[in-house]
């Protein structure tokens, strides 16, 4: 059985491996041992924090195969971005050049550097090893965060965003960044991406153009990738769109990948989930697939189970309940998983 749980100090080696496999463009997991240890330390402290409002917390989860004990994936949530470091995006807009006398009216798209998402919660660090991209594992890893947020909404910003990886080639070259590099920077994309991942963001403010960039001045290759996702990211953005996330014209400042957003209380899994009381007992003749999680913090566990729901009580077998840290009579949160998903 695959479960999702908070990361622990013992998971450092597994996180190293995941950081190596995730590759260039996966900013939230830099290949830097000190920073990976710091991420684990920050996450442990975040889960242990006694708070009723979003702050500078970062929650990092891992997916563990309970049969082998192998950690096979990660998923993260930032409680509220931009509080300790500036959080940059480009906002797509437009300007109108008009002269009635000459009969000219032209609308030009622009990119403006902004910090508009300051205070939003962010979904991040979603990665699953290729060996386990089967069945409902990816869905479990992604959606388990929503059950955690549904149980503890006071710990997160009211708007939830996700930065989607933009277009780059196998060597990590981004057409969008290549244009910026040529005109404003002397850094290649992998270096800029790495510096951001380790928290060295000052160069952004120092070197990024302060005035809007006219999109039609970019190379054709750079224009073509604005708001487009990396092929490997297409399943992730498709899942988020089903959850109600929408693109509102904000893109990443390095690869121009889209950022999508949704109010926390409007995320489909959050809206459809419900609080239940656990009952250990005989299953109905036709049990249903549920994503089930306990409501704890440091001992949070989530997994896919076969169970049946009746009058606010969820019946499941003792083995499944034990793996998820649940006993008869405990409170939990679940959401039905349609077979078509």
Foldseek 3Di string as FASTA:
>chain_A
DKKKAFDALVCLVVLLVQLVVVDFQQLQRFNDSVVSNVLSVQQLVLLVDDDQAADQGKTKMFIADVVVRHTFWIKIKGAFPCPVHQDKWWFKDWDWDDDVVVPDIDIFIWTAIDRVRGGAMEIHRTDGHPVPPDDCVSVLRVCVVLQQCLLRVSHHGQKYKYAAGFDDDPVRAALQQVQCCVPFNVDGLRVVSNCVSSPNCPVCVVTPDRDIDGLVVGDPRNSVGQQHHYPVRVVVVVVQVVQPWDFDRIAHPRRNHTMTMDGSCSGNSSVQKDKAFEAADDADPQWFWKWKWANGRNLIMTDIATWDDDPRYIYGHPVVQVVRVHDGGGMIMMGTDDPVD
